[in-house]
Amino acid sequence: MTKDFILNRMRTAVKNNGVNGYYIYFEDAVKLTDGTLINEVRLSRRGVEFLEKGTNKVISMSMLKKKDLLLIYDRI
């Protein structure tokens, strides 16, 4: 699977299962391979955004690896 394929599946999952089809909040944050904690996934005009726990800073897609995307998708 490519990153784009995973993002498309994630976008569909957020639309179908998220709050108002807009975002999903994780009570237990997802720990990425670099140690960053993600606790929210939301949709925006630019695509899918990932927010860091505590700071609500948007994590850049260039920082995320395929393995990280799969961890987040599995949590959804």
N, C-alpha and C. Protein backbone atom coordinates (compact mmCIF):
# COMPACT_ATOMS: atom_id res chain seq x y z
N MET A 1 0.84 -1.19 0.00
CA MET A 1 0.00 0.00 0.00
C MET A 1 0.88 1.25 0.00
N THR A 2 0.45 2.24 -0.76
CA THR A 2 1.17 3.50 -0.78
C THR A 2 0.58 4.46 0.24
N LYS A 3 1.29 5.55 0.50
CA LYS A 3 0.80 6.55 1.45
C LYS A 3 -0.53 7.15 0.97
N ASP A 4 -0.63 7.39 -0.33
CA ASP A 4 -1.88 7.98 -0.87
C ASP A 4 -3.06 7.04 -0.67
N PHE A 5 -2.84 5.75 -0.87
CA PHE A 5 -3.91 4.78 -0.68
C PHE A 5 -4.37 4.75 0.78
N ILE A 6 -3.40 4.77 1.70
CA ILE A 6 -3.73 4.77 3.12
C ILE A 6 -4.49 6.04 3.50
N LEU A 7 -4.04 7.19 2.96
CA LEU A 7 -4.72 8.46 3.25
C LEU A 7 -6.15 8.47 2.71
N ASN A 8 -6.36 7.90 1.54
CA ASN A 8 -7.73 7.82 0.99
C ASN A 8 -8.61 6.95 1.87
N ARG A 9 -8.08 5.82 2.34
CA ARG A 9 -8.85 4.95 3.24
C ARG A 9 -9.14 5.66 4.56
N MET A 10 -8.16 6.43 5.04
CA MET A 10 -8.32 7.17 6.28
C MET A 10 -9.38 8.26 6.12
N ARG A 11 -9.35 8.96 5.00
CA ARG A 11 -10.34 10.01 4.71
C ARG A 11 -11.75 9.43 4.70
N THR A 12 -11.92 8.28 4.09
CA THR A 12 -13.22 7.62 4.05
C THR A 12 -13.66 7.20 5.45
N ALA A 13 -12.72 6.67 6.25
CA ALA A 13 -13.05 6.24 7.61
C ALA A 13 -13.47 7.41 8.48
N VAL A 14 -12.80 8.56 8.34
CA VAL A 14 -13.17 9.74 9.13
C VAL A 14 -14.54 10.24 8.71
N LYS A 15 -14.80 10.26 7.41
CA LYS A 15 -16.12 10.71 6.93
C LYS A 15 -17.24 9.81 7.43
N ASN A 16 -17.00 8.50 7.48
CA ASN A 16 -18.03 7.56 7.88
C ASN A 16 -18.17 7.41 9.39
N ASN A 17 -17.06 7.49 10.14
CA ASN A 17 -17.09 7.19 11.56
C ASN A 17 -16.78 8.38 12.46
N GLY A 18 -16.36 9.50 11.89
CA GLY A 18 -15.96 10.64 12.69
C GLY A 18 -17.12 11.48 13.17
N VAL A 19 -16.81 12.43 14.04
CA VAL A 19 -17.80 13.37 14.55
C VAL A 19 -18.20 14.30 13.42
N ASN A 20 -19.47 14.24 13.03
CA ASN A 20 -20.00 15.02 11.90
C ASN A 20 -19.21 14.80 10.62
N GLY A 21 -18.51 13.69 10.49
CA GLY A 21 -17.73 13.41 9.31
C GLY A 21 -16.53 14.32 9.16
N TYR A 22 -16.08 14.90 10.27
CA TYR A 22 -15.03 15.91 10.22
C TYR A 22 -13.75 15.50 10.95
N TYR A 23 -13.86 14.91 12.14
CA TYR A 23 -12.65 14.53 12.87
C TYR A 23 -12.90 13.33 13.77
N ILE A 24 -11.79 12.73 14.19
CA ILE A 24 -11.81 11.62 15.15
C ILE A 24 -10.80 11.96 16.24
N TYR A 25 -11.24 11.80 17.49
CA TYR A 25 -10.39 12.06 18.64
C TYR A 25 -10.07 10.74 19.32
N PHE A 26 -8.80 10.52 19.65
CA PHE A 26 -8.38 9.32 20.35
C PHE A 26 -8.15 9.66 21.81
N GLU A 27 -8.84 8.96 22.71
CA GLU A 27 -8.63 9.19 24.13
C GLU A 27 -7.22 8.75 24.53
N ASP A 28 -6.80 7.59 24.03
CA ASP A 28 -5.43 7.12 24.23
C ASP A 28 -4.65 7.45 22.96
N ALA A 29 -3.68 8.34 23.06
CA ALA A 29 -2.94 8.82 21.89
C ALA A 29 -2.17 7.69 21.21
N VAL A 30 -1.95 7.86 19.92
CA VAL A 30 -1.17 6.92 19.12
C VAL A 30 0.28 7.38 19.16
N LYS A 31 1.19 6.48 19.56
CA LYS A 31 2.60 6.82 19.62
C LYS A 31 3.26 6.45 18.30
N LEU A 32 3.84 7.45 17.62
CA LEU A 32 4.50 7.23 16.35
C LEU A 32 5.91 6.71 16.56
N THR A 33 6.58 6.35 15.49
CA THR A 33 7.91 5.76 15.58
C THR A 33 8.95 6.74 16.14
N ASP A 34 8.74 8.04 15.98
CA ASP A 34 9.69 9.02 16.53
C ASP A 34 9.31 9.48 17.94
N GLY A 35 8.26 8.89 18.51
CA GLY A 35 7.86 9.22 19.88
C GLY A 35 6.77 10.26 19.99
N THR A 36 6.38 10.88 18.88
CA THR A 36 5.31 11.88 18.89
C THR A 36 3.98 11.21 19.18
N LEU A 37 3.14 11.88 19.95
CA LEU A 37 1.82 11.36 20.27
C LEU A 37 0.76 12.10 19.46
N ILE A 38 -0.08 11.36 18.76
CA ILE A 38 -1.16 11.92 17.96
C ILE A 38 -2.47 11.56 18.64
N ASN A 39 -3.33 12.58 18.87
CA ASN A 39 -4.60 12.26 19.51
C ASN A 39 -5.81 12.73 18.71
N GLU A 40 -5.59 13.31 17.53
CA GLU A 40 -6.73 13.75 16.72
C GLU A 40 -6.37 13.68 15.24
N VAL A 41 -7.32 13.22 14.45
CA VAL A 41 -7.22 13.20 13.00
C VAL A 41 -8.41 13.97 12.48
N ARG A 42 -8.16 14.95 11.61
CA ARG A 42 -9.28 15.73 11.08
C ARG A 42 -9.10 15.97 9.59
N LEU A 43 -10.21 16.27 8.96
CA LEU A 43 -10.20 16.57 7.54
C LEU A 43 -10.16 18.08 7.35
N SER A 44 -9.42 18.52 6.34
CA SER A 44 -9.37 19.93 5.99
C SER A 44 -9.43 20.04 4.47
N ARG A 45 -9.38 21.25 3.98
CA ARG A 45 -9.40 21.43 2.52
C ARG A 45 -8.17 20.83 1.86
N ARG A 46 -7.06 20.78 2.60
CA ARG A 46 -5.82 20.25 2.06
C ARG A 46 -5.72 18.74 2.18
N GLY A 47 -6.62 18.12 2.92
CA GLY A 47 -6.58 16.67 3.08
C GLY A 47 -6.75 16.26 4.52
N VAL A 48 -5.94 15.31 4.95
CA VAL A 48 -6.02 14.79 6.31
C VAL A 48 -4.94 15.48 7.15
N GLU A 49 -5.32 15.93 8.36
CA GLU A 49 -4.37 16.55 9.28
C GLU A 49 -4.29 15.73 10.55
N PHE A 50 -3.10 15.69 11.12
CA PHE A 50 -2.83 14.95 12.35
C PHE A 50 -2.36 15.93 13.40
N LEU A 51 -3.01 15.93 14.59
CA LEU A 51 -2.68 16.88 15.63
C LEU A 51 -1.95 16.20 16.78
N GLU A 52 -0.90 16.86 17.23
CA GLU A 52 -0.09 16.35 18.32
C GLU A 52 -0.79 16.56 19.65
N LYS A 53 -0.66 15.58 20.53
CA LYS A 53 -1.30 15.66 21.85
C LYS A 53 -0.65 16.78 22.67
N GLY A 54 -1.49 17.55 23.32
CA GLY A 54 -1.01 18.60 24.21
C GLY A 54 -0.85 19.95 23.54
N THR A 55 -0.22 19.98 22.37
CA THR A 55 0.04 21.26 21.69
C THR A 55 -0.96 21.54 20.58
N ASN A 56 -1.64 20.51 20.09
CA ASN A 56 -2.54 20.61 18.93
C ASN A 56 -1.85 21.16 17.70
N LYS A 57 -0.54 20.93 17.62
CA LYS A 57 0.24 21.33 16.45
C LYS A 57 0.00 20.32 15.33
N VAL A 58 -0.20 20.81 14.12
CA VAL A 58 -0.41 19.93 12.98
C VAL A 58 0.92 19.31 12.58
N ILE A 59 0.93 17.98 12.50
CA ILE A 59 2.14 17.25 12.12
C ILE A 59 2.23 17.20 10.60
N SER A 60 3.37 17.54 10.07
CA SER A 60 3.59 17.56 8.62
C SER A 60 3.58 16.14 8.06
N MET A 61 3.04 16.00 6.87
CA MET A 61 3.01 14.68 6.22
C MET A 61 4.41 14.18 5.92
N SER A 62 5.37 15.09 5.72
CA SER A 62 6.73 14.66 5.43
C SER A 62 7.37 13.98 6.64
N MET A 63 6.88 14.27 7.85
CA MET A 63 7.40 13.64 9.06
C MET A 63 6.84 12.25 9.27
N LEU A 64 5.70 11.96 8.68
CA LEU A 64 5.04 10.68 8.91
C LEU A 64 5.53 9.62 7.93
N LYS A 65 5.80 8.45 8.46
CA LYS A 65 6.19 7.33 7.64
C LYS A 65 4.96 6.47 7.36
N LYS A 66 5.13 5.55 6.44
CA LYS A 66 4.03 4.65 6.10
C LYS A 66 3.59 3.84 7.31
N LYS A 67 4.54 3.41 8.12
CA LYS A 67 4.24 2.64 9.32
C LYS A 67 3.40 3.47 10.30
N ASP A 68 3.72 4.78 10.41
CA ASP A 68 2.95 5.67 11.29
C ASP A 68 1.51 5.81 10.81
N LEU A 69 1.34 5.96 9.50
CA LEU A 69 -0.01 6.08 8.94
C LEU A 69 -0.82 4.82 9.20
N LEU A 70 -0.17 3.67 9.09
CA LEU A 70 -0.88 2.41 9.36
C LEU A 70 -1.27 2.29 10.82
N LEU A 71 -0.41 2.76 11.74
CA LEU A 71 -0.75 2.75 13.17
C LEU A 71 -2.00 3.60 13.43
N ILE A 72 -2.04 4.77 12.83
CA ILE A 72 -3.18 5.67 13.02
C ILE A 72 -4.43 5.07 12.38
N TYR A 73 -4.30 4.53 11.19
CA TYR A 73 -5.45 3.94 10.50
C TYR A 73 -6.00 2.76 11.29
N ASP A 74 -5.12 1.94 11.85
CA ASP A 74 -5.58 0.80 12.67
C ASP A 74 -6.35 1.26 13.89
N ARG A 75 -5.96 2.40 14.47
CA ARG A 75 -6.65 2.92 15.65
C ARG A 75 -8.06 3.41 15.29
N ILE A 76 -8.21 3.95 14.09
CA ILE A 76 -9.54 4.41 13.65
C ILE A 76 -10.46 3.23 13.57
